[in-house]
Amino acid sequence: MEKYDLIIVGAGPAGLTAAIYAGRYQLKTLVVGKLPGGLAGEASEVCNFPSYESIGGVELMMKMMGHVKSLGIEIKQEEVDDIIKGKEFKVVANKKEYSAKKIILAIGCERRRLQLENEKEFIGRGISYCATCDAGFYKEKTVGIVGGGNAALSAALLLSDFAKKVYIIYRKDKFSKAEPSWVKKIKKKNIINLFNSNVTKLIGKDKLEKVEINNEKVIDMDGLFIEIGSVPNVELAEKLGLEMEEKYIAVDKKQNTNVKGVLAAGDITNNSLKQIITACGEGAIAADSVYQELRGK
């Protein structure tokens, strides 16, 4: 079993930034993450990351991963099944075991689902959670987006360049959660806003064909993109006995949890602003805290 100073669980902005700092601190580090780049890699456009007026999520995450690898740190695309506490921590992933003195959990969140019949069956056949990944499949077709935040409006803007018609289906009477700049950008002829609306049924045989709105209105639709936020990945945190705050990991100002040797960073923590830049900041602080304890000031 290979031993490390630090194992970072999660390969999104928080985990990758932690890895960059750990690499510069010369800590023997391993990054293990199921989804390289995390959910940030699914963003069609990132407009508030310093030094880039606009950059695609995939491109930004590839640059971060390249930076990590340039420091000689390995990134394993594997899902962590378990973390076992002892004198050191044993991390189990893909039936392999790794040992570490410290753990940083940067496991982020998962996409929230509609919880409707056929939703799971239609994934990849009309249902998508990533406009960046799948927009190209809907050229000259009709699509819908469920949601009304920045992510939903960003997805609508991207899809409008491919689809002939884009419906934004939102449960409220206005885009109260979206930044005004995004609301202004979506004022395009092929984007139609359906306010006070909920998807109540997904209709189709082998793939999505129609969507029912508010149990009455049926719209022909080739694709439906779900952008209704995310929920934290808490399974590993609960196994470790970490203190939680409203389903998020509670951390102090140094990113420490209540379990000695386990730190957390990014969207999984109880810090309020869920952005790439804040995730990076938390990852940097977590790595510095690890270094200070292992090596001393």
C-alpha atoms as a PDB file:
ATOM      1  CA  MET A   1       0.000   0.000   0.000  1.00  0.00           C
ATOM      2  CA  GLU A   2       1.580   3.242  -1.161  1.00  0.00           C
ATOM      3  CA  LYS A   3       1.885   5.953   1.488  1.00  0.00           C
ATOM      4  CA  TYR A   4       1.319   9.694   1.026  1.00  0.00           C
ATOM      5  CA  ASP A   5       1.528  12.824   3.116  1.00  0.00           C
ATOM      6  CA  LEU A   6      -1.806  13.930   1.711  1.00  0.00           C
ATOM      7  CA  ILE A   7      -4.635  12.412  -0.284  1.00  0.00           C
ATOM      8  CA  ILE A   8      -7.111  14.836  -1.835  1.00  0.00           C
ATOM      9  CA  VAL A   9     -10.518  13.314  -2.551  1.00  0.00           C
ATOM     10  CA  GLY A  10     -12.106  15.228  -5.406  1.00  0.00           C
ATOM     11  CA  ALA A  11     -10.667  16.726  -8.597  1.00  0.00           C
ATOM     12  CA  GLY A  12     -12.666  19.925  -8.947  1.00  0.00           C
ATOM     13  CA  PRO A  13     -11.366  23.484  -8.393  1.00  0.00           C
ATOM     14  CA  ALA A  14     -10.900  23.037  -4.626  1.00  0.00           C
ATOM     15  CA  GLY A  15      -9.078  19.714  -4.913  1.00  0.00           C
ATOM     16  CA  LEU A  16      -6.879  20.808  -7.818  1.00  0.00           C
ATOM     17  CA  THR A  17      -5.875  24.067  -6.121  1.00  0.00           C
ATOM     18  CA  ALA A  18      -5.062  22.172  -2.934  1.00  0.00           C
ATOM     19  CA  ALA A  19      -2.907  19.863  -5.034  1.00  0.00           C
ATOM     20  CA  ILE A  20      -1.032  22.803  -6.602  1.00  0.00           C
ATOM     21  CA  TYR A  21      -0.191  24.218  -3.186  1.00  0.00           C
ATOM     22  CA  ALA A  22       0.706  20.787  -1.809  1.00  0.00           C
ATOM     23  CA  GLY A  23       3.002  20.229  -4.777  1.00  0.00           C
ATOM     24  CA  ARG A  24       4.778  23.505  -4.203  1.00  0.00           C
ATOM     25  CA  TYR A  25       5.133  22.579  -0.536  1.00  0.00           C
ATOM     26  CA  GLN A  26       6.801  19.324  -1.646  1.00  0.00           C
ATOM     27  CA  LEU A  27       4.191  17.141   0.048  1.00  0.00           C
ATOM     28  CA  LYS A  28       3.796  13.676  -1.382  1.00  0.00           C
ATOM     29  CA  THR A  29       0.259  14.016  -2.688  1.00  0.00           C
ATOM     30  CA  LEU A  30      -2.347  11.983  -4.553  1.00  0.00           C
ATOM     31  CA  VAL A  31      -5.585  13.323  -6.063  1.00  0.00           C
ATOM     32  CA  VAL A  32      -8.444  10.848  -6.459  1.00  0.00           C
ATOM     33  CA  GLY A  33     -11.630  11.981  -8.190  1.00  0.00           C
ATOM     34  CA  LYS A  34     -14.457  10.363 -10.118  1.00  0.00           C
ATOM     35  CA  LEU A  35     -15.023  13.404 -12.334  1.00  0.00           C
ATOM     36  CA  PRO A  36     -11.877  15.336 -13.348  1.00  0.00           C
ATOM     37  CA  GLY A  37     -12.672  19.019 -13.129  1.00  0.00           C
ATOM     38  CA  GLY A  38     -15.800  18.342 -11.084  1.00  0.00           C
ATOM     39  CA  LEU A  39     -19.046  20.120 -11.923  1.00  0.00           C
ATOM     40  CA  ALA A  40     -17.049  23.215 -12.902  1.00  0.00           C
ATOM     41  CA  GLY A  41     -16.040  21.366 -16.060  1.00  0.00           C
ATOM     42  CA  GLU A  42     -19.704  21.350 -17.117  1.00  0.00           C
ATOM     43  CA  ALA A  43     -20.024  25.147 -17.126  1.00  0.00           C
ATOM     44  CA  SER A  44     -20.519  26.432 -20.667  1.00  0.00           C
ATOM     45  CA  GLU A  45     -18.956  29.788 -19.818  1.00  0.00           C
ATOM     46  CA  VAL A  46     -17.114  31.137 -16.767  1.00  0.00           C
ATOM     47  CA  CYS A  47     -17.087  34.944 -16.695  1.00  0.00           C
ATOM     48  CA  ASN A  48     -15.922  35.803 -13.170  1.00  0.00           C
ATOM     49  CA  PHE A  49     -12.628  33.950 -12.792  1.00  0.00           C
ATOM     50  CA  PRO A  50      -9.763  36.486 -12.539  1.00  0.00           C
ATOM     51  CA  SER A  51      -7.508  36.760 -15.623  1.00  0.00           C
ATOM     52  CA  TYR A  52     -10.227  35.430 -17.963  1.00  0.00           C
ATOM     53  CA  GLU A  53     -13.010  37.668 -19.244  1.00  0.00           C
ATOM     54  CA  SER A  54     -14.649  34.471 -20.429  1.00  0.00           C
ATOM     55  CA  ILE A  55     -13.499  30.857 -20.537  1.00  0.00           C
ATOM     56  CA  GLY A  56     -15.222  27.508 -20.962  1.00  0.00           C
ATOM     57  CA  GLY A  57     -15.446  25.337 -17.858  1.00  0.00           C
ATOM     58  CA  VAL A  58     -13.712  22.399 -19.545  1.00  0.00           C
ATOM     59  CA  GLU A  59     -10.828  24.588 -20.728  1.00  0.00           C
ATOM     60  CA  LEU A  60     -10.353  26.128 -17.282  1.00  0.00           C
ATOM     61  CA  MET A  61     -10.331  22.740 -15.563  1.00  0.00           C
ATOM     62  CA  MET A  62      -7.902  21.305 -18.128  1.00  0.00           C
ATOM     63  CA  LYS A  63      -5.531  24.183 -17.384  1.00  0.00           C
ATOM     64  CA  MET A  64      -5.795  23.466 -13.650  1.00  0.00           C
ATOM     65  CA  MET A  65      -5.167  19.746 -14.163  1.00  0.00           C
ATOM     66  CA  GLY A  66      -2.183  20.527 -16.384  1.00  0.00           C
ATOM     67  CA  HIS A  67      -0.776  22.728 -13.625  1.00  0.00           C
ATOM     68  CA  VAL A  68      -1.187  19.919 -11.071  1.00  0.00           C
ATOM     69  CA  LYS A  69       0.513  17.364 -13.315  1.00  0.00           C
ATOM     70  CA  SER A  70       3.390  19.747 -14.049  1.00  0.00           C
ATOM     71  CA  LEU A  71       4.239  19.521 -10.340  1.00  0.00           C
ATOM     72  CA  GLY A  72       4.531  15.743 -10.557  1.00  0.00           C
ATOM     73  CA  ILE A  73       1.265  15.013  -8.760  1.00  0.00           C
ATOM     74  CA  GLU A  74      -0.780  12.071  -9.986  1.00  0.00           C
ATOM     75  CA  ILE A  75      -4.519  12.386 -10.578  1.00  0.00           C
ATOM     76  CA  LYS A  76      -6.434   9.102 -10.492  1.00  0.00           C
ATOM     77  CA  GLN A  77      -9.879   9.059 -12.087  1.00  0.00           C
ATOM     78  CA  GLU A  78     -11.465   6.732  -9.556  1.00  0.00           C
ATOM     79  CA  GLU A  79     -14.353   6.896  -7.105  1.00  0.00           C
ATOM     80  CA  VAL A  80     -13.393   6.619  -3.448  1.00  0.00           C
ATOM     81  CA  ASP A  81     -15.451   3.871  -1.822  1.00  0.00           C
ATOM     82  CA  ASP A  82     -14.275   4.276   1.752  1.00  0.00           C
ATOM     83  CA  ILE A  83     -11.933   6.142   4.081  1.00  0.00           C
ATOM     84  CA  ILE A  84     -10.876   4.280   7.226  1.00  0.00           C
ATOM     85  CA  LYS A  85      -9.497   6.097  10.267  1.00  0.00           C
ATOM     86  CA  GLY A  86      -6.470   4.740  12.122  1.00  0.00           C
ATOM     87  CA  LYS A  87      -2.989   6.009  12.985  1.00  0.00           C
ATOM     88  CA  GLU A  88      -3.095   7.111   9.376  1.00  0.00           C
ATOM     89  CA  PHE A  89      -6.011   7.152   6.946  1.00  0.00           C
ATOM     90  CA  LYS A  90      -6.648   4.298   4.532  1.00  0.00           C
ATOM     91  CA  VAL A  91      -8.371   5.341   1.316  1.00  0.00           C
ATOM     92  CA  VAL A  92     -10.090   2.620  -0.729  1.00  0.00           C
ATOM     93  CA  ALA A  93     -10.739   3.301  -4.421  1.00  0.00           C
ATOM     94  CA  ASN A  94     -11.345   0.842  -7.252  1.00  0.00           C
ATOM     95  CA  LYS A  95     -10.367  -2.058  -4.918  1.00  0.00           C
ATOM     96  CA  LYS A  96      -6.971  -0.428  -4.282  1.00  0.00           C
ATOM     97  CA  GLU A  97      -5.782   0.965  -0.966  1.00  0.00           C
ATOM     98  CA  TYR A  98      -3.709   4.066  -0.286  1.00  0.00           C
ATOM     99  CA  SER A  99      -2.429   5.458   3.012  1.00  0.00           C
ATOM    100  CA  ALA A 100      -2.160   9.123   4.021  1.00  0.00           C
ATOM    101  CA  LYS A 101      -1.320  11.214   7.051  1.00  0.00           C
ATOM    102  CA  LYS A 102      -3.908  13.833   6.077  1.00  0.00           C
ATOM    103  CA  ILE A 103      -7.088  13.928   3.991  1.00  0.00           C
ATOM    104  CA  ILE A 104      -8.704  16.855   2.208  1.00  0.00           C
ATOM    105  CA  LEU A 105     -12.292  16.215   1.173  1.00  0.00           C
ATOM    106  CA  ALA A 106     -13.140  18.281  -1.895  1.00  0.00           C
ATOM    107  CA  ILE A 107     -15.987  16.064  -3.045  1.00  0.00           C
ATOM    108  CA  GLY A 108     -18.371  18.827  -4.091  1.00  0.00           C
ATOM    109  CA  CYS A 109     -21.979  18.255  -5.055  1.00  0.00           C
ATOM    110  CA  GLU A 110     -24.121  16.250  -7.480  1.00  0.00           C
ATOM    111  CA  ARG A 111     -26.774  17.539  -9.847  1.00  0.00           C
ATOM    112  CA  ARG A 112     -30.257  17.749  -8.371  1.00  0.00           C
ATOM    113  CA  ARG A 113     -32.836  15.698 -10.295  1.00  0.00           C
ATOM    114  CA  LEU A 114     -36.516  16.227 -11.041  1.00  0.00           C
ATOM    115  CA  GLN A 115     -37.411  12.833  -9.529  1.00  0.00           C
ATOM    116  CA  LEU A 116     -39.890  12.117 -12.326  1.00  0.00           C
ATOM    117  CA  GLU A 117     -40.809   8.823 -13.943  1.00  0.00           C
ATOM    118  CA  ASN A 118     -38.585   8.040 -16.980  1.00  0.00           C
ATOM    119  CA  GLU A 119     -35.959  10.598 -15.935  1.00  0.00           C
ATOM    120  CA  LYS A 120     -33.271   7.992 -15.292  1.00  0.00           C
ATOM    121  CA  GLU A 121     -34.230   5.927 -18.355  1.00  0.00           C
ATOM    122  CA  PHE A 122     -34.037   8.965 -20.651  1.00  0.00           C
ATOM    123  CA  ILE A 123     -30.582  10.122 -19.530  1.00  0.00           C
ATOM    124  CA  GLY A 124     -28.540  10.343 -22.734  1.00  0.00           C
ATOM    125  CA  ARG A 125     -31.753   9.960 -24.728  1.00  0.00           C
ATOM    126  CA  GLY A 126     -33.194  13.410 -24.278  1.00  0.00           C
ATOM    127  CA  ILE A 127     -32.410  14.125 -20.632  1.00  0.00           C
ATOM    128  CA  SER A 128     -29.114  15.868 -19.851  1.00  0.00           C
ATOM    129  CA  TYR A 129     -27.461  17.648 -16.934  1.00  0.00           C
ATOM    130  CA  CYS A 130     -24.662  19.174 -19.017  1.00  0.00           C
ATOM    131  CA  ALA A 131     -25.337  21.646 -21.820  1.00  0.00           C
ATOM    132  CA  THR A 132     -21.610  21.985 -22.506  1.00  0.00           C
ATOM    133  CA  CYS A 133     -21.367  18.253 -23.119  1.00  0.00           C
ATOM    134  CA  ASP A 134     -24.517  17.725 -25.174  1.00  0.00           C
ATOM    135  CA  ALA A 135     -25.546  20.995 -26.887  1.00  0.00           C
ATOM    136  CA  GLY A 136     -24.070  19.861 -30.208  1.00  0.00           C
ATOM    137  CA  PHE A 137     -26.519  16.951 -30.428  1.00  0.00           C
ATOM    138  CA  TYR A 138     -29.509  19.297 -30.681  1.00  0.00           C
ATOM    139  CA  LYS A 139     -28.776  21.286 -33.808  1.00  0.00           C
ATOM    140  CA  GLU A 140     -32.030  22.640 -35.288  1.00  0.00           C
ATOM    141  CA  LYS A 141     -34.077  20.827 -32.625  1.00  0.00           C
ATOM    142  CA  THR A 142     -36.342  21.969 -29.795  1.00  0.00           C
ATOM    143  CA  VAL A 143     -35.020  21.822 -26.264  1.00  0.00           C
ATOM    144  CA  GLY A 144     -35.996  22.920 -22.774  1.00  0.00           C
ATOM    145  CA  ILE A 145     -34.062  23.968 -19.686  1.00  0.00           C
ATOM    146  CA  VAL A 146     -35.450  23.568 -16.177  1.00  0.00           C
ATOM    147  CA  GLY A 147     -34.168  26.244 -13.806  1.00  0.00           C
ATOM    148  CA  GLY A 148     -33.777  29.982 -13.437  1.00  0.00           C
ATOM    149  CA  GLY A 149     -30.322  30.626 -11.998  1.00  0.00           C
ATOM    150  CA  ASN A 150     -27.065  31.607 -13.700  1.00  0.00           C
ATOM    151  CA  ALA A 151     -26.339  28.019 -14.731  1.00  0.00           C
ATOM    152  CA  ALA A 152     -29.727  27.628 -16.415  1.00  0.00           C
ATOM    153  CA  LEU A 153     -29.477  30.911 -18.303  1.00  0.00           C
ATOM    154  CA  SER A 154     -25.908  30.178 -19.345  1.00  0.00           C
ATOM    155  CA  ALA A 155     -27.060  26.798 -20.671  1.00  0.00           C
ATOM    156  CA  ALA A 156     -29.948  28.454 -22.542  1.00  0.00           C
ATOM    157  CA  LEU A 157     -27.562  30.877 -24.218  1.00  0.00           C
ATOM    158  CA  LEU A 158     -25.260  28.067 -25.325  1.00  0.00           C
ATOM    159  CA  LEU A 159     -28.138  25.914 -26.586  1.00  0.00           C
ATOM    160  CA  SER A 160     -29.631  28.847 -28.524  1.00  0.00           C
ATOM    161  CA  ASP A 161     -26.612  28.687 -30.832  1.00  0.00           C
ATOM    162  CA  PHE A 162     -27.558  25.126 -31.825  1.00  0.00           C
ATOM    163  CA  ALA A 163     -31.278  24.545 -31.276  1.00  0.00           C
ATOM    164  CA  LYS A 164     -34.029  26.195 -33.310  1.00  0.00           C
ATOM    165  CA  LYS A 165     -36.091  26.791 -30.154  1.00  0.00           C
ATOM    166  CA  VAL A 166     -35.150  26.902 -26.465  1.00  0.00           C
ATOM    167  CA  TYR A 167     -37.706  26.936 -23.638  1.00  0.00           C
ATOM    168  CA  ILE A 168     -36.648  28.056 -20.162  1.00  0.00           C
ATOM    169  CA  ILE A 169     -39.049  26.417 -17.705  1.00  0.00           C
ATOM    170  CA  TYR A 170     -38.952  28.155 -14.342  1.00  0.00           C
ATOM    171  CA  ARG A 171     -41.194  27.745 -11.305  1.00  0.00           C
ATOM    172  CA  LYS A 172     -41.100  31.442 -10.286  1.00  0.00           C
ATOM    173  CA  ASP A 173     -42.501  34.553 -11.993  1.00  0.00           C
ATOM    174  CA  LYS A 174     -39.073  36.062 -12.751  1.00  0.00           C
ATOM    175  CA  PHE A 175     -35.348  35.210 -12.764  1.00  0.00           C
ATOM    176  CA  SER A 176     -34.740  36.364  -9.198  1.00  0.00           C
ATOM    177  CA  LYS A 177     -31.630  34.206  -8.624  1.00  0.00           C
ATOM    178  CA  ALA A 178     -29.805  35.051 -11.847  1.00  0.00           C
ATOM    179  CA  GLU A 179     -27.387  37.931 -12.332  1.00  0.00           C
ATOM    180  CA  PRO A 180     -28.854  40.798 -14.418  1.00  0.00           C
ATOM    181  CA  SER A 181     -26.103  40.339 -17.017  1.00  0.00           C
ATOM    182  CA  TRP A 182     -27.330  36.803 -17.760  1.00  0.00           C
ATOM    183  CA  VAL A 183     -30.977  37.911 -17.891  1.00  0.00           C
ATOM    184  CA  LYS A 184     -30.020  40.530 -20.463  1.00  0.00           C
ATOM    185  CA  LYS A 185     -28.047  38.069 -22.589  1.00  0.00           C
ATOM    186  CA  ILE A 186     -30.904  35.566 -23.027  1.00  0.00           C
ATOM    187  CA  LYS A 187     -33.170  38.060 -24.791  1.00  0.00           C
ATOM    188  CA  LYS A 188     -32.948  36.216 -28.085  1.00  0.00           C
ATOM    189  CA  LYS A 189     -35.671  35.341 -30.581  1.00  0.00           C
ATOM    190  CA  ASN A 190     -35.329  31.597 -30.180  1.00  0.00           C
ATOM    191  CA  ILE A 191     -35.409  31.627 -26.339  1.00  0.00           C
ATOM    192  CA  ILE A 192     -38.893  31.447 -24.808  1.00  0.00           C
ATOM    193  CA  ASN A 193     -39.429  31.942 -21.076  1.00  0.00           C
ATOM    194  CA  LEU A 194     -42.127  29.871 -19.365  1.00  0.00           C
ATOM    195  CA  PHE A 195     -42.574  31.352 -15.886  1.00  0.00           C
ATOM    196  CA  ASN A 196     -44.664  29.854 -13.070  1.00  0.00           C
ATOM    197  CA  SER A 197     -44.076  26.488 -14.714  1.00  0.00           C
ATOM    198  CA  ASN A 198     -43.025  23.023 -13.561  1.00  0.00           C
ATOM    199  CA  VAL A 199     -42.301  19.903 -15.571  1.00  0.00           C
ATOM    200  CA  THR A 200     -44.787  17.299 -14.375  1.00  0.00           C
ATOM    201  CA  LYS A 201     -44.274  14.469 -16.864  1.00  0.00           C
ATOM    202  CA  LEU A 202     -41.655  13.189 -19.309  1.00  0.00           C
ATOM    203  CA  ILE A 203     -43.274  11.566 -22.336  1.00  0.00           C
ATOM    204  CA  GLY A 204     -41.681   9.235 -24.853  1.00  0.00           C
ATOM    205  CA  LYS A 205     -41.204   5.624 -25.872  1.00  0.00           C
ATOM    206  CA  ASP A 206     -37.469   4.957 -26.192  1.00  0.00           C
ATOM    207  CA  LYS A 207     -36.419   8.592 -25.804  1.00  0.00           C
ATOM    208  CA  LEU A 208     -37.853  11.937 -24.741  1.00  0.00           C
ATOM    209  CA  GLU A 209     -40.467  13.213 -27.173  1.00  0.00           C
ATOM    210  CA  LYS A 210     -42.717  15.538 -25.183  1.00  0.00           C
ATOM    211  CA  VAL A 211     -42.786  17.370 -21.859  1.00  0.00           C
ATOM    212  CA  GLU A 212     -45.901  18.062 -19.804  1.00  0.00           C
ATOM    213  CA  ILE A 213     -46.029  21.400 -17.965  1.00  0.00           C
ATOM    214  CA  ASN A 214     -48.197  21.978 -14.867  1.00  0.00           C
ATOM    215  CA  ASN A 215     -50.181  18.775 -15.514  1.00  0.00           C
ATOM    216  CA  GLU A 216     -51.891  20.271 -18.555  1.00  0.00           C
ATOM    217  CA  LYS A 217     -49.756  21.786 -21.309  1.00  0.00           C
ATOM    218  CA  VAL A 218     -47.772  19.354 -23.518  1.00  0.00           C
ATOM    219  CA  ILE A 219     -44.817  20.606 -25.585  1.00  0.00           C
ATOM    220  CA  ASP A 220     -42.919  18.658 -28.252  1.00  0.00           C
ATOM    221  CA  MET A 221     -39.319  18.538 -27.101  1.00  0.00           C
ATOM    222  CA  ASP A 222     -36.217  16.683 -28.285  1.00  0.00           C
ATOM    223  CA  GLY A 223     -34.115  17.422 -25.226  1.00  0.00           C
ATOM    224  CA  LEU A 224     -34.493  18.638 -21.655  1.00  0.00           C
ATOM    225  CA  PHE A 225     -31.572  20.027 -19.650  1.00  0.00           C
ATOM    226  CA  ILE A 226     -31.880  19.992 -15.848  1.00  0.00           C
ATOM    227  CA  GLU A 227     -30.265  23.005 -14.130  1.00  0.00           C
ATOM    228  CA  ILE A 228     -31.941  23.154 -10.708  1.00  0.00           C
ATOM    229  CA  GLY A 229     -28.881  23.216  -8.512  1.00  0.00           C
ATOM    230  CA  SER A 230     -27.005  20.516  -6.682  1.00  0.00           C
ATOM    231  CA  VAL A 231     -26.862  18.564  -3.441  1.00  0.00           C
ATOM    232  CA  PRO A 232     -23.698  17.894  -1.397  1.00  0.00           C
ATOM    233  CA  ASN A 233     -21.982  14.491  -1.534  1.00  0.00           C
ATOM    234  CA  VAL A 234     -22.152  13.586   2.146  1.00  0.00           C
ATOM    235  CA  GLU A 235     -21.710   9.809   2.230  1.00  0.00           C
ATOM    236  CA  LEU A 236     -17.958   9.789   2.975  1.00  0.00           C
ATOM    237  CA  ALA A 237     -18.330  12.645   5.454  1.00  0.00           C
ATOM    238  CA  GLU A 238     -21.020  10.771   7.365  1.00  0.00           C
ATOM    239  CA  LYS A 239     -18.928   7.588   7.450  1.00  0.00           C
ATOM    240  CA  LEU A 240     -16.057   9.552   8.974  1.00  0.00           C
ATOM    241  CA  GLY A 241     -18.330  11.081  11.593  1.00  0.00           C
ATOM    242  CA  LEU A 242     -17.798  14.653  10.429  1.00  0.00           C
ATOM    243  CA  GLU A 243     -19.899  17.389  11.961  1.00  0.00           C
ATOM    244  CA  MET A 244     -22.445  18.701   9.461  1.00  0.00           C
ATOM    245  CA  GLU A 245     -24.272  22.000   9.143  1.00  0.00           C
ATOM    246  CA  GLU A 246     -27.414  21.886   7.004  1.00  0.00           C
ATOM    247  CA  LYS A 247     -26.013  18.902   5.048  1.00  0.00           C
ATOM    248  CA  TYR A 248     -22.624  20.577   4.468  1.00  0.00           C
ATOM    249  CA  ILE A 249     -19.325  19.787   6.233  1.00  0.00           C
ATOM    250  CA  ALA A 250     -18.634  22.233   9.053  1.00  0.00           C
ATOM    251  CA  VAL A 251     -15.110  23.688   8.876  1.00  0.00           C
ATOM    252  CA  ASP A 252     -13.117  26.295  10.791  1.00  0.00           C
ATOM    253  CA  LYS A 253     -11.128  29.142   9.245  1.00  0.00           C
ATOM    254  CA  LYS A 254      -8.261  26.738   8.454  1.00  0.00           C
ATOM    255  CA  GLN A 255     -10.631  24.265   6.750  1.00  0.00           C
ATOM    256  CA  ASN A 256     -10.296  21.730   9.580  1.00  0.00           C
ATOM    257  CA  THR A 257     -13.234  19.477  10.409  1.00  0.00           C
ATOM    258  CA  ASN A 258     -14.038  18.057  13.841  1.00  0.00           C
ATOM    259  CA  VAL A 259     -12.019  14.904  12.979  1.00  0.00           C
ATOM    260  CA  LYS A 260      -8.282  15.486  13.389  1.00  0.00           C
ATOM    261  CA  GLY A 261      -6.414  15.046  10.121  1.00  0.00           C
ATOM    262  CA  VAL A 262      -9.480  15.533   7.916  1.00  0.00           C
ATOM    263  CA  LEU A 263      -9.980  18.883   6.182  1.00  0.00           C
ATOM    264  CA  ALA A 264     -12.617  19.946   3.667  1.00  0.00           C
ATOM    265  CA  ALA A 265     -12.777  22.534   0.894  1.00  0.00           C
ATOM    266  CA  GLY A 266     -15.074  23.742  -1.864  1.00  0.00           C
ATOM    267  CA  ASP A 267     -18.804  23.361  -2.407  1.00  0.00           C
ATOM    268  CA  ILE A 268     -19.050  20.571   0.188  1.00  0.00           C
ATOM    269  CA  THR A 269     -18.317  22.963   3.089  1.00  0.00           C
ATOM    270  CA  ASN A 270     -20.690  25.170   5.057  1.00  0.00           C
ATOM    271  CA  ASN A 271     -19.198  28.357   3.624  1.00  0.00           C
ATOM    272  CA  SER A 272     -21.943  30.204   1.785  1.00  0.00           C
ATOM    273  CA  LEU A 273     -20.618  31.345  -1.604  1.00  0.00           C
ATOM    274  CA  LYS A 274     -20.457  28.361  -3.968  1.00  0.00           C
ATOM    275  CA  GLN A 275     -18.149  29.638  -6.713  1.00  0.00           C
ATOM    276  CA  ILE A 276     -15.010  28.359  -8.463  1.00  0.00           C
ATOM    277  CA  ILE A 277     -12.928  31.187  -7.028  1.00  0.00           C
ATOM    278  CA  THR A 278     -14.003  30.521  -3.418  1.00  0.00           C
ATOM    279  CA  ALA A 279     -13.455  26.785  -3.871  1.00  0.00           C
ATOM    280  CA  CYS A 280      -9.906  27.525  -5.041  1.00  0.00           C
ATOM    281  CA  GLY A 281      -9.321  29.740  -2.001  1.00  0.00           C
ATOM    282  CA  GLU A 282     -10.531  27.060   0.383  1.00  0.00           C
ATOM    283  CA  GLY A 283      -8.348  24.458  -1.346  1.00  0.00           C
ATOM    284  CA  ALA A 284      -5.294  26.682  -0.922  1.00  0.00           C
ATOM    285  CA  ILE A 285      -6.029  27.263   2.776  1.00  0.00           C
ATOM    286  CA  ALA A 286      -6.577  23.543   3.373  1.00  0.00           C
ATOM    287  CA  ALA A 287      -3.247  22.607   1.754  1.00  0.00           C
ATOM    288  CA  ASP A 288      -1.436  25.285   3.737  1.00  0.00           C
ATOM    289  CA  SER A 289      -2.993  23.987   6.967  1.00  0.00           C
ATOM    290  CA  VAL A 290      -1.788  20.472   6.146  1.00  0.00           C
ATOM    291  CA  TYR A 291       1.726  21.737   5.445  1.00  0.00           C
ATOM    292  CA  GLN A 292       1.883  23.795   8.639  1.00  0.00           C
ATOM    293  CA  GLU A 293       0.949  20.790  10.750  1.00  0.00           C
ATOM    294  CA  LEU A 294       3.149  18.249   8.991  1.00  0.00           C
ATOM    295  CA  ARG A 295       6.240  20.398   8.540  1.00  0.00           C
ATOM    296  CA  GLY A 296       5.846  23.194  11.100  1.00  0.00           C
ATOM    297  CA  LYS A 297       5.975  26.904  10.385  1.00  0.00           C
END
